[in-house]
Amino acid sequence: MSLLDLAPVVPVVVIDDVETAVPMARALVEGGLPVIEVTLRTTGALEAISRIAAEVPDAVIGAGTIRTSSDISASVEAGAKFLVSPGTTPSLVDALLASGVPFLPGAATASEVMALAERGIGELKFFPAEAAGGLPYLKSLAGPLPDVRFCPTGGIRLETARDYLALPNVGCVGGTWLTPADALATGDWERVRKLAAEAAALR
């Protein structure tokens, strides 16, 4: 099954304290969102991925903010089952294709989408979604590029996610609202579980 079809929403998570990784992942999975993207924006991100991979078997854990080939190798070694990049370069695409795991390369323009499609890549991250044109832009892309599907991420909220998911070229959306910083800091896993359940009910 396509990565885009596993869940309607992919939580995009920044982990400051690795001790929160496993209970957070369990809460998201229990709420109905098994696909989790941990961004490589903190020093503990790789350890968080490793812990989730080892201790939450029902989670499909991935690494986000992939920018270099070393990011790819470190993430796969940590246990990432998929990779997500904010944008793409030819060398990064080569490394992603060679990684052996599913990936969503970032694109924000029609030219970037076409360049990736030329490489045989038809599932992409649309980032930054709201800043790059949001719903109207994705609607415009569906006409000339009907065979490309997206996971738009960036500025999407629960209130707007359903509109994105209604587009024919959107498989899922990425969101940061599912793991509020204060909920992670206080260990409010019930709140995370409820937010995940609300998002899972979108489809």
N, C-alpha and C. Protein backbone atom coordinates (compact mmCIF):
# COMPACT_ATOMS: atom_id res chain seq x y z
N MET A 1 0.83 -1.20 0.00
CA MET A 1 0.00 0.00 0.00
C MET A 1 0.87 1.25 0.00
N SER A 2 0.40 2.28 -0.68
CA SER A 2 1.11 3.54 -0.73
C SER A 2 1.21 4.17 0.64
N LEU A 3 2.32 4.84 0.89
CA LEU A 3 2.51 5.58 2.14
C LEU A 3 1.41 6.61 2.34
N LEU A 4 0.91 7.17 1.25
CA LEU A 4 -0.12 8.20 1.32
C LEU A 4 -1.48 7.67 1.74
N ASP A 5 -1.65 6.35 1.70
CA ASP A 5 -2.95 5.76 1.98
C ASP A 5 -3.04 5.10 3.36
N LEU A 6 -1.99 5.19 4.15
CA LEU A 6 -1.99 4.51 5.45
C LEU A 6 -2.81 5.25 6.50
N ALA A 7 -2.87 6.56 6.41
CA ALA A 7 -3.63 7.37 7.37
C ALA A 7 -3.92 8.72 6.73
N PRO A 8 -5.02 9.37 7.11
CA PRO A 8 -5.35 10.66 6.51
C PRO A 8 -4.39 11.78 6.93
N VAL A 9 -3.81 11.65 8.11
CA VAL A 9 -2.93 12.69 8.63
C VAL A 9 -1.64 12.05 9.14
N VAL A 10 -0.51 12.65 8.78
CA VAL A 10 0.79 12.24 9.29
C VAL A 10 1.25 13.28 10.31
N PRO A 11 1.35 12.91 11.57
CA PRO A 11 1.87 13.86 12.56
C PRO A 11 3.33 14.19 12.25
N VAL A 12 3.64 15.48 12.20
CA VAL A 12 5.01 15.95 11.98
C VAL A 12 5.51 16.45 13.33
N VAL A 13 6.50 15.74 13.87
CA VAL A 13 6.84 15.91 15.27
C VAL A 13 8.26 16.43 15.46
N VAL A 14 8.41 17.37 16.36
CA VAL A 14 9.72 17.84 16.81
C VAL A 14 9.92 17.33 18.24
N ILE A 15 10.95 16.52 18.45
CA ILE A 15 11.18 15.90 19.77
C ILE A 15 12.36 16.59 20.44
N ASP A 16 12.08 17.28 21.52
CA ASP A 16 13.15 17.91 22.30
C ASP A 16 13.66 16.98 23.40
N ASP A 17 12.78 16.18 23.95
CA ASP A 17 13.13 15.26 25.03
C ASP A 17 12.85 13.84 24.55
N VAL A 18 13.89 13.03 24.37
CA VAL A 18 13.69 11.68 23.82
C VAL A 18 12.82 10.81 24.71
N GLU A 19 12.70 11.17 25.98
CA GLU A 19 11.87 10.37 26.88
C GLU A 19 10.39 10.46 26.51
N THR A 20 10.03 11.48 25.75
CA THR A 20 8.63 11.63 25.34
C THR A 20 8.31 10.83 24.07
N ALA A 21 9.31 10.33 23.39
CA ALA A 21 9.11 9.73 22.06
C ALA A 21 8.18 8.53 22.10
N VAL A 22 8.46 7.58 22.95
CA VAL A 22 7.67 6.34 22.97
C VAL A 22 6.24 6.57 23.45
N PRO A 23 6.01 7.23 24.59
CA PRO A 23 4.61 7.45 24.98
C PRO A 23 3.84 8.31 23.98
N MET A 24 4.50 9.27 23.34
CA MET A 24 3.85 10.07 22.31
C MET A 24 3.43 9.19 21.14
N ALA A 25 4.35 8.35 20.67
CA ALA A 25 4.04 7.46 19.55
C ALA A 25 2.91 6.51 19.89
N ARG A 26 2.92 5.98 21.10
CA ARG A 26 1.84 5.07 21.51
C ARG A 26 0.50 5.79 21.50
N ALA A 27 0.47 7.04 21.98
CA ALA A 27 -0.78 7.80 22.01
C ALA A 27 -1.29 8.07 20.60
N LEU A 28 -0.39 8.39 19.67
CA LEU A 28 -0.79 8.64 18.29
C LEU A 28 -1.35 7.38 17.64
N VAL A 29 -0.67 6.25 17.85
CA VAL A 29 -1.13 4.98 17.28
C VAL A 29 -2.49 4.59 17.87
N GLU A 30 -2.63 4.73 19.18
CA GLU A 30 -3.90 4.39 19.83
C GLU A 30 -5.02 5.29 19.32
N GLY A 31 -4.70 6.51 18.95
CA GLY A 31 -5.70 7.42 18.40
C GLY A 31 -6.04 7.15 16.95
N GLY A 32 -5.27 6.28 16.30
CA GLY A 32 -5.58 5.90 14.92
C GLY A 32 -4.64 6.45 13.88
N LEU A 33 -3.50 7.02 14.31
CA LEU A 33 -2.52 7.56 13.35
C LEU A 33 -1.19 6.82 13.50
N PRO A 34 -0.98 5.75 12.75
CA PRO A 34 0.24 4.96 12.91
C PRO A 34 1.47 5.54 12.21
N VAL A 35 1.27 6.41 11.22
CA VAL A 35 2.39 6.97 10.46
C VAL A 35 2.87 8.24 11.15
N ILE A 36 4.14 8.26 11.55
CA ILE A 36 4.68 9.38 12.34
C ILE A 36 5.99 9.85 11.72
N GLU A 37 6.08 11.14 11.47
CA GLU A 37 7.32 11.74 10.94
C GLU A 37 8.02 12.51 12.05
N VAL A 38 9.20 12.06 12.42
CA VAL A 38 10.03 12.78 13.39
C VAL A 38 11.04 13.61 12.61
N THR A 39 11.01 14.91 12.78
CA THR A 39 11.90 15.77 12.01
C THR A 39 13.31 15.79 12.61
N LEU A 40 14.29 15.87 11.75
CA LEU A 40 15.68 15.90 12.20
C LEU A 40 16.08 17.34 12.53
N ARG A 41 15.36 17.93 13.45
CA ARG A 41 15.60 19.33 13.82
C ARG A 41 16.17 19.45 15.23
N THR A 42 16.30 18.32 15.92
CA THR A 42 16.83 18.35 17.29
C THR A 42 17.91 17.28 17.42
N THR A 43 18.74 17.43 18.43
CA THR A 43 19.85 16.49 18.61
C THR A 43 19.37 15.09 18.99
N GLY A 44 18.17 14.99 19.56
CA GLY A 44 17.68 13.69 19.97
C GLY A 44 16.79 13.00 18.96
N ALA A 45 16.65 13.56 17.77
CA ALA A 45 15.69 13.03 16.79
C ALA A 45 16.01 11.59 16.40
N LEU A 46 17.26 11.30 16.11
CA LEU A 46 17.61 9.94 15.67
C LEU A 46 17.40 8.93 16.79
N GLU A 47 17.73 9.30 18.00
CA GLU A 47 17.48 8.39 19.12
C GLU A 47 15.98 8.18 19.31
N ALA A 48 15.20 9.23 19.12
CA ALA A 48 13.75 9.11 19.23
C ALA A 48 13.21 8.13 18.19
N ILE A 49 13.69 8.24 16.97
CA ILE A 49 13.28 7.32 15.92
C ILE A 49 13.65 5.89 16.30
N SER A 50 14.86 5.70 16.79
CA SER A 50 15.31 4.38 17.19
C SER A 50 14.45 3.78 18.29
N ARG A 51 14.11 4.58 19.28
CA ARG A 51 13.28 4.09 20.38
C ARG A 51 11.88 3.72 19.91
N ILE A 52 11.29 4.57 19.09
CA ILE A 52 9.94 4.29 18.59
C ILE A 52 9.96 3.02 17.74
N ALA A 53 10.96 2.89 16.88
CA ALA A 53 11.06 1.70 16.03
C ALA A 53 11.17 0.43 16.86
N ALA A 54 11.87 0.51 17.98
CA ALA A 54 12.10 -0.67 18.81
C ALA A 54 10.93 -0.98 19.75
N GLU A 55 10.24 0.06 20.22
CA GLU A 55 9.28 -0.13 21.31
C GLU A 55 7.81 0.06 20.92
N VAL A 56 7.56 0.58 19.72
CA VAL A 56 6.16 0.78 19.28
C VAL A 56 6.00 0.08 17.93
N PRO A 57 5.82 -1.24 17.94
CA PRO A 57 5.83 -2.00 16.69
C PRO A 57 4.71 -1.63 15.71
N ASP A 58 3.61 -1.08 16.23
CA ASP A 58 2.50 -0.70 15.33
C ASP A 58 2.70 0.65 14.66
N ALA A 59 3.75 1.36 15.04
CA ALA A 59 4.03 2.66 14.43
C ALA A 59 4.84 2.48 13.15
N VAL A 60 4.51 3.27 12.15
CA VAL A 60 5.33 3.36 10.93
C VAL A 60 6.11 4.66 11.08
N ILE A 61 7.34 4.54 11.57
CA ILE A 61 8.11 5.71 11.93
C ILE A 61 9.01 6.17 10.78
N GLY A 62 9.01 7.47 10.53
CA GLY A 62 9.83 8.02 9.46
C GLY A 62 10.63 9.21 9.93
N ALA A 63 11.56 9.62 9.11
CA ALA A 63 12.41 10.77 9.41
C ALA A 63 12.10 11.90 8.43
N GLY A 64 11.93 13.11 8.98
CA GLY A 64 11.69 14.28 8.14
C GLY A 64 12.85 15.25 8.18
N THR A 65 12.74 16.30 7.39
CA THR A 65 13.82 17.29 7.23
C THR A 65 15.09 16.61 6.73
N ILE A 66 14.93 15.67 5.81
CA ILE A 66 16.07 15.01 5.18
C ILE A 66 16.67 15.97 4.16
N ARG A 67 17.96 16.28 4.33
CA ARG A 67 18.61 17.24 3.44
C ARG A 67 19.86 16.70 2.76
N THR A 68 20.47 15.68 3.33
CA THR A 68 21.74 15.17 2.80
C THR A 68 21.74 13.64 2.77
N SER A 69 22.71 13.08 2.07
CA SER A 69 22.83 11.63 2.03
C SER A 69 23.17 11.07 3.41
N SER A 70 23.90 11.85 4.21
CA SER A 70 24.22 11.38 5.56
C SER A 70 22.97 11.36 6.43
N ASP A 71 22.05 12.30 6.21
CA ASP A 71 20.77 12.24 6.91
C ASP A 71 20.04 10.95 6.59
N ILE A 72 20.09 10.56 5.33
CA ILE A 72 19.41 9.34 4.88
C ILE A 72 19.99 8.11 5.56
N SER A 73 21.32 7.96 5.49
CA SER A 73 21.94 6.77 6.07
C SER A 73 21.73 6.70 7.57
N ALA A 74 21.84 7.84 8.26
CA ALA A 74 21.66 7.85 9.71
C ALA A 74 20.22 7.51 10.09
N SER A 75 19.27 8.01 9.31
CA SER A 75 17.86 7.75 9.61
C SER A 75 17.50 6.29 9.39
N VAL A 76 17.95 5.72 8.28
CA VAL A 76 17.67 4.32 8.00
C VAL A 76 18.32 3.43 9.06
N GLU A 77 19.53 3.77 9.45
CA GLU A 77 20.22 3.00 10.48
C GLU A 77 19.47 3.08 11.82
N ALA A 78 18.85 4.22 12.08
CA ALA A 78 18.09 4.39 13.33
C ALA A 78 16.77 3.63 13.32
N GLY A 79 16.32 3.24 12.13
CA GLY A 79 15.09 2.48 12.04
C GLY A 79 13.96 3.15 11.29
N ALA A 80 14.24 4.27 10.63
CA ALA A 80 13.20 4.96 9.87
C ALA A 80 12.69 4.08 8.73
N LYS A 81 11.37 4.03 8.61
CA LYS A 81 10.74 3.22 7.56
C LYS A 81 10.39 4.04 6.32
N PHE A 82 10.48 5.37 6.45
CA PHE A 82 10.29 6.24 5.29
C PHE A 82 11.03 7.54 5.55
N LEU A 83 11.23 8.31 4.48
CA LEU A 83 12.01 9.54 4.55
C LEU A 83 11.23 10.67 3.89
N VAL A 84 11.35 11.87 4.45
CA VAL A 84 10.65 13.04 3.91
C VAL A 84 11.63 14.20 3.83
N SER A 85 11.67 14.88 2.69
CA SER A 85 12.57 16.03 2.54
C SER A 85 11.74 17.29 2.32
N PRO A 86 12.24 18.45 2.77
CA PRO A 86 11.51 19.70 2.56
C PRO A 86 11.57 20.19 1.13
N GLY A 87 12.60 19.79 0.41
CA GLY A 87 12.79 20.15 -0.99
C GLY A 87 13.66 19.08 -1.63
N THR A 88 14.05 19.29 -2.87
CA THR A 88 14.86 18.27 -3.54
C THR A 88 15.96 18.90 -4.38
N THR A 89 17.05 18.18 -4.48
CA THR A 89 18.13 18.48 -5.41
C THR A 89 18.42 17.19 -6.16
N PRO A 90 19.06 17.26 -7.33
CA PRO A 90 19.36 16.02 -8.07
C PRO A 90 20.14 15.00 -7.25
N SER A 91 21.13 15.45 -6.50
CA SER A 91 21.93 14.50 -5.71
C SER A 91 21.12 13.90 -4.58
N LEU A 92 20.22 14.68 -3.96
CA LEU A 92 19.39 14.14 -2.90
C LEU A 92 18.42 13.10 -3.46
N VAL A 93 17.85 13.36 -4.63
CA VAL A 93 16.95 12.40 -5.25
C VAL A 93 17.69 11.09 -5.53
N ASP A 94 18.93 11.18 -6.02
CA ASP A 94 19.73 9.97 -6.26
C ASP A 94 19.88 9.17 -4.98
N ALA A 95 20.19 9.86 -3.89
CA ALA A 95 20.41 9.18 -2.61
C ALA A 95 19.10 8.59 -2.07
N LEU A 96 18.00 9.31 -2.24
CA LEU A 96 16.71 8.79 -1.79
C LEU A 96 16.33 7.53 -2.58
N LEU A 97 16.54 7.57 -3.88
CA LEU A 97 16.22 6.40 -4.71
C LEU A 97 17.08 5.20 -4.33
N ALA A 98 18.31 5.46 -3.89
CA ALA A 98 19.22 4.38 -3.53
C ALA A 98 19.01 3.87 -2.11
N SER A 99 18.15 4.55 -1.34
CA SER A 99 18.02 4.23 0.09
C SER A 99 17.33 2.90 0.35
N GLY A 100 16.45 2.51 -0.57
CA GLY A 100 15.73 1.26 -0.38
C GLY A 100 14.48 1.38 0.48
N VAL A 101 14.14 2.60 0.91
CA VAL A 101 12.92 2.79 1.70
C VAL A 101 12.02 3.81 1.01
N PRO A 102 10.72 3.80 1.28
CA PRO A 102 9.83 4.78 0.67
C PRO A 102 10.21 6.20 1.08
N PHE A 103 9.91 7.15 0.22
CA PHE A 103 10.23 8.54 0.54
C PHE A 103 9.26 9.49 -0.13
N LEU A 104 9.14 10.67 0.47
CA LEU A 104 8.32 11.75 -0.08
C LEU A 104 9.23 12.96 -0.25
N PRO A 105 9.68 13.22 -1.46
CA PRO A 105 10.53 14.39 -1.68
C PRO A 105 9.69 15.66 -1.77
N GLY A 106 10.22 16.74 -1.22
CA GLY A 106 9.48 17.99 -1.20
C GLY A 106 9.49 18.70 -2.54
N ALA A 107 8.34 19.29 -2.88
CA ALA A 107 8.21 20.10 -4.10
C ALA A 107 7.22 21.21 -3.84
N ALA A 108 7.46 22.37 -4.46
CA ALA A 108 6.57 23.51 -4.26
C ALA A 108 6.16 24.19 -5.56
N THR A 109 6.72 23.75 -6.69
CA THR A 109 6.39 24.36 -7.98
C THR A 109 6.08 23.28 -9.01
N ALA A 110 5.41 23.68 -10.08
CA ALA A 110 5.11 22.74 -11.15
C ALA A 110 6.38 22.17 -11.77
N SER A 111 7.40 23.01 -11.89
CA SER A 111 8.66 22.53 -12.48
C SER A 111 9.32 21.48 -11.60
N GLU A 112 9.28 21.69 -10.29
CA GLU A 112 9.85 20.70 -9.37
C GLU A 112 9.07 19.39 -9.44
N VAL A 113 7.76 19.49 -9.50
CA VAL A 113 6.93 18.29 -9.61
C VAL A 113 7.25 17.54 -10.89
N MET A 114 7.38 18.27 -12.01
CA MET A 114 7.68 17.63 -13.29
C MET A 114 9.06 16.98 -13.29
N ALA A 115 10.02 17.63 -12.66
CA ALA A 115 11.37 17.07 -12.60
C ALA A 115 11.37 15.75 -11.83
N LEU A 116 10.61 15.69 -10.74
CA LEU A 116 10.53 14.45 -9.97
C LEU A 116 9.75 13.39 -10.72
N ALA A 117 8.69 13.79 -11.42
CA ALA A 117 7.92 12.84 -12.21
C ALA A 117 8.78 12.22 -13.31
N GLU A 118 9.69 13.00 -13.86
CA GLU A 118 10.61 12.47 -14.88
C GLU A 118 11.49 11.36 -14.33
N ARG A 119 11.73 11.41 -13.02
CA ARG A 119 12.53 10.37 -12.37
C ARG A 119 11.68 9.17 -11.94
N GLY A 120 10.40 9.22 -12.29
CA GLY A 120 9.51 8.12 -11.93
C GLY A 120 8.92 8.23 -10.54
N ILE A 121 8.98 9.43 -9.95
CA ILE A 121 8.49 9.64 -8.59
C ILE A 121 7.14 10.36 -8.67
N GLY A 122 6.09 9.68 -8.23
CA GLY A 122 4.75 10.23 -8.37
C GLY A 122 4.04 10.53 -7.07
N GLU A 123 4.75 10.37 -5.94
CA GLU A 123 4.17 10.71 -4.64
C GLU A 123 5.13 11.67 -3.94
N LEU A 124 4.62 12.88 -3.64
CA LEU A 124 5.49 13.95 -3.17
C LEU A 124 4.92 14.62 -1.93
N LYS A 125 5.81 15.34 -1.24
CA LYS A 125 5.39 16.25 -0.20
C LYS A 125 5.24 17.63 -0.84
N PHE A 126 4.10 18.27 -0.63
CA PHE A 126 3.92 19.65 -1.10
C PHE A 126 4.19 20.55 0.09
N PHE A 127 5.30 21.28 0.02
CA PHE A 127 5.76 22.07 1.17
C PHE A 127 6.42 23.36 0.69
N PRO A 128 6.20 24.47 1.40
CA PRO A 128 5.25 24.68 2.51
C PRO A 128 3.86 24.93 1.97
N ALA A 129 2.93 24.09 2.31
CA ALA A 129 1.63 24.04 1.63
C ALA A 129 0.90 25.38 1.60
N GLU A 130 0.62 25.93 2.76
CA GLU A 130 -0.15 27.17 2.79
C GLU A 130 0.62 28.33 2.16
N ALA A 131 1.89 28.44 2.47
CA ALA A 131 2.69 29.55 1.94
C ALA A 131 2.91 29.42 0.44
N ALA A 132 2.89 28.21 -0.08
CA ALA A 132 3.16 27.99 -1.50
C ALA A 132 1.91 28.02 -2.37
N GLY A 133 0.77 28.31 -1.79
CA GLY A 133 -0.44 28.44 -2.60
C GLY A 133 -1.61 27.62 -2.12
N GLY A 134 -1.36 26.67 -1.25
CA GLY A 134 -2.44 25.92 -0.61
C GLY A 134 -3.39 25.21 -1.55
N LEU A 135 -4.65 25.21 -1.17
CA LEU A 135 -5.69 24.50 -1.92
C LEU A 135 -5.79 24.93 -3.38
N PRO A 136 -5.84 26.23 -3.68
CA PRO A 136 -5.96 26.63 -5.09
C PRO A 136 -4.79 26.13 -5.94
N TYR A 137 -3.59 26.14 -5.37
CA TYR A 137 -2.43 25.71 -6.15
C TYR A 137 -2.50 24.21 -6.45
N LEU A 138 -2.84 23.42 -5.43
CA LEU A 138 -2.94 21.98 -5.66
C LEU A 138 -4.05 21.65 -6.64
N LYS A 139 -5.16 22.38 -6.58
CA LYS A 139 -6.23 22.18 -7.56
C LYS A 139 -5.72 22.45 -8.97
N SER A 140 -4.90 23.49 -9.11
CA SER A 140 -4.36 23.84 -10.42
C SER A 140 -3.43 22.76 -10.95
N LEU A 141 -2.67 22.13 -10.05
CA LEU A 141 -1.73 21.09 -10.48
C LEU A 141 -2.44 19.82 -10.94
N ALA A 142 -3.64 19.58 -10.41
CA ALA A 142 -4.34 18.32 -10.71
C ALA A 142 -4.68 18.19 -12.19
N GLY A 143 -4.92 19.30 -12.87
CA GLY A 143 -5.27 19.24 -14.28
C GLY A 143 -4.14 18.75 -15.16
N PRO A 144 -3.00 19.46 -15.20
CA PRO A 144 -1.91 19.05 -16.08
C PRO A 144 -1.07 17.89 -15.54
N LEU A 145 -1.16 17.63 -14.22
CA LEU A 145 -0.35 16.57 -13.62
C LEU A 145 -1.23 15.62 -12.81
N PRO A 146 -2.17 14.95 -13.48
CA PRO A 146 -3.16 14.14 -12.75
C PRO A 146 -2.60 12.88 -12.12
N ASP A 147 -1.42 12.47 -12.55
CA ASP A 147 -0.85 11.22 -12.05
C ASP A 147 0.06 11.40 -10.84
N VAL A 148 0.17 12.63 -10.35
CA VAL A 148 1.02 12.90 -9.19
C VAL A 148 0.14 13.14 -7.97
N ARG A 149 0.52 12.52 -6.84
CA ARG A 149 -0.24 12.67 -5.59
C ARG A 149 0.66 13.31 -4.53
N PHE A 150 -0.01 13.98 -3.59
CA PHE A 150 0.74 14.79 -2.63
C PHE A 150 0.34 14.52 -1.19
N CYS A 151 1.30 14.82 -0.31
CA CYS A 151 1.05 14.98 1.12
C CYS A 151 1.39 16.43 1.45
N PRO A 152 0.43 17.34 1.36
CA PRO A 152 0.71 18.74 1.68
C PRO A 152 0.99 18.91 3.17
N THR A 153 2.01 19.69 3.47
CA THR A 153 2.44 19.92 4.85
C THR A 153 2.89 21.36 4.98
N GLY A 154 2.55 21.97 6.12
CA GLY A 154 2.99 23.34 6.36
C GLY A 154 1.82 24.28 6.50
N GLY A 155 1.44 24.59 7.73
CA GLY A 155 0.36 25.52 7.98
C GLY A 155 -1.03 24.91 7.98
N ILE A 156 -1.12 23.60 7.80
CA ILE A 156 -2.43 22.94 7.77
C ILE A 156 -2.90 22.68 9.20
N ARG A 157 -4.20 22.88 9.41
CA ARG A 157 -4.81 22.68 10.73
C ARG A 157 -5.96 21.69 10.58
N LEU A 158 -6.47 21.24 11.71
CA LEU A 158 -7.61 20.32 11.68
C LEU A 158 -8.75 20.92 10.87
N GLU A 159 -8.95 22.24 11.02
CA GLU A 159 -10.08 22.90 10.35
C GLU A 159 -9.94 22.95 8.84
N THR A 160 -8.72 22.87 8.33
CA THR A 160 -8.51 22.94 6.88
C THR A 160 -8.13 21.59 6.27
N ALA A 161 -7.78 20.63 7.11
CA ALA A 161 -7.30 19.34 6.59
C ALA A 161 -8.33 18.65 5.72
N ARG A 162 -9.60 18.71 6.10
CA ARG A 162 -10.63 18.00 5.34
C ARG A 162 -10.73 18.54 3.91
N ASP A 163 -10.56 19.85 3.73
CA ASP A 163 -10.63 20.42 2.39
C ASP A 163 -9.47 19.92 1.53
N TYR A 164 -8.29 19.81 2.13
CA TYR A 164 -7.16 19.25 1.38
C TYR A 164 -7.42 17.80 1.01
N LEU A 165 -7.92 17.02 1.96
CA LEU A 165 -8.15 15.60 1.72
C LEU A 165 -9.22 15.35 0.66
N ALA A 166 -10.06 16.34 0.41
CA ALA A 166 -11.10 16.19 -0.60
C ALA A 166 -10.55 16.32 -2.02
N LEU A 167 -9.34 16.85 -2.17
CA LEU A 167 -8.75 17.00 -3.50
C LEU A 167 -8.34 15.64 -4.06
N PRO A 168 -8.53 15.41 -5.36
CA PRO A 168 -8.21 14.11 -5.93
C PRO A 168 -6.72 13.78 -5.93
N ASN A 169 -5.87 14.79 -5.86
CA ASN A 169 -4.43 14.55 -5.90
C ASN A 169 -3.77 14.61 -4.53
N VAL A 170 -4.58 14.55 -3.48
CA VAL A 170 -4.04 14.55 -2.11
C VAL A 170 -4.37 13.23 -1.45
N GLY A 171 -3.33 12.53 -0.99
CA GLY A 171 -3.54 11.26 -0.32
C GLY A 171 -3.66 11.40 1.18
N CYS A 172 -2.86 12.30 1.74
CA CYS A 172 -2.89 12.58 3.17
C CYS A 172 -2.30 13.97 3.38
N VAL A 173 -2.36 14.45 4.61
CA VAL A 173 -1.75 15.74 4.93
C VAL A 173 -0.80 15.54 6.11
N GLY A 174 0.17 16.42 6.22
CA GLY A 174 1.06 16.42 7.37
C GLY A 174 0.68 17.55 8.29
N GLY A 175 0.77 17.30 9.61
CA GLY A 175 0.36 18.34 10.54
C GLY A 175 1.16 18.32 11.83
N THR A 176 1.39 19.51 12.35
CA THR A 176 2.11 19.63 13.62
C THR A 176 1.15 19.83 14.79
N TRP A 177 -0.14 20.02 14.51
CA TRP A 177 -1.07 20.34 15.59
C TRP A 177 -1.36 19.14 16.50
N LEU A 178 -0.98 17.93 16.08
CA LEU A 178 -1.33 16.73 16.84
C LEU A 178 -0.47 16.52 18.07
N THR A 179 0.68 17.16 18.11
CA THR A 179 1.59 16.98 19.25
C THR A 179 2.02 18.35 19.77
N PRO A 180 1.12 19.08 20.42
CA PRO A 180 1.47 20.41 20.94
C PRO A 180 2.64 20.33 21.91
N ALA A 181 3.49 21.33 21.85
CA ALA A 181 4.69 21.33 22.70
C ALA A 181 4.34 21.22 24.18
N ASP A 182 3.26 21.90 24.59
CA ASP A 182 2.91 21.85 26.01
C ASP A 182 2.40 20.48 26.43
N ALA A 183 1.73 19.78 25.50
CA ALA A 183 1.27 18.42 25.81
C ALA A 183 2.45 17.46 25.96
N LEU A 184 3.45 17.62 25.10
CA LEU A 184 4.65 16.78 25.21
C LEU A 184 5.40 17.09 26.50
N ALA A 185 5.49 18.37 26.82
CA ALA A 185 6.26 18.77 28.01
C ALA A 185 5.62 18.27 29.30
N THR A 186 4.29 18.21 29.33
CA THR A 186 3.61 17.79 30.55
C THR A 186 3.19 16.33 30.54
N GLY A 187 3.46 15.64 29.42
CA GLY A 187 3.07 14.24 29.33
C GLY A 187 1.57 14.04 29.25
N ASP A 188 0.87 14.94 28.61
CA ASP A 188 -0.58 14.85 28.47
C ASP A 188 -0.91 13.96 27.27
N TRP A 189 -0.72 12.66 27.45
CA TRP A 189 -0.89 11.72 26.33
C TRP A 189 -2.34 11.52 25.96
N GLU A 190 -3.24 11.73 26.90
CA GLU A 190 -4.66 11.63 26.57
C GLU A 190 -5.06 12.73 25.59
N ARG A 191 -4.51 13.91 25.76
CA ARG A 191 -4.80 14.99 24.81
C ARG A 191 -4.26 14.64 23.43
N VAL A 192 -3.06 14.10 23.36
CA VAL A 192 -2.48 13.68 22.07
C VAL A 192 -3.34 12.60 21.44
N ARG A 193 -3.80 11.65 22.26
CA ARG A 193 -4.65 10.57 21.76
C ARG A 193 -5.95 11.12 21.18
N LYS A 194 -6.55 12.08 21.86
CA LYS A 194 -7.80 12.67 21.37
C LYS A 194 -7.59 13.46 20.08
N LEU A 195 -6.49 14.19 20.00
CA LEU A 195 -6.20 14.94 18.77
C LEU A 195 -5.98 13.97 17.61
N ALA A 196 -5.32 12.86 17.87
CA ALA A 196 -5.10 11.86 16.83
C ALA A 196 -6.42 11.25 16.38
N ALA A 197 -7.30 10.96 17.33
CA ALA A 197 -8.59 10.37 16.98
C ALA A 197 -9.43 11.31 16.13
N GLU A 198 -9.39 12.61 16.45
CA GLU A 198 -10.11 13.59 15.63
C GLU A 198 -9.58 13.60 14.20
N ALA A 199 -8.25 13.54 14.07
CA ALA A 199 -7.64 13.57 12.74
C ALA A 199 -7.91 12.28 11.98
N ALA A 200 -7.85 11.15 12.68
CA ALA A 200 -8.09 9.86 12.03
C ALA A 200 -9.51 9.77 11.49
N ALA A 201 -10.44 10.48 12.11
CA ALA A 201 -11.84 10.45 11.69
C ALA A 201 -12.11 11.28 10.44
N LEU A 202 -11.09 11.99 9.95
CA LEU A 202 -11.28 12.82 8.75
C LEU A 202 -11.51 11.97 7.50
N ARG A 203 -11.11 10.69 7.58
CA ARG A 203 -11.33 9.82 6.41
C ARG A 203 -11.72 8.42 6.87
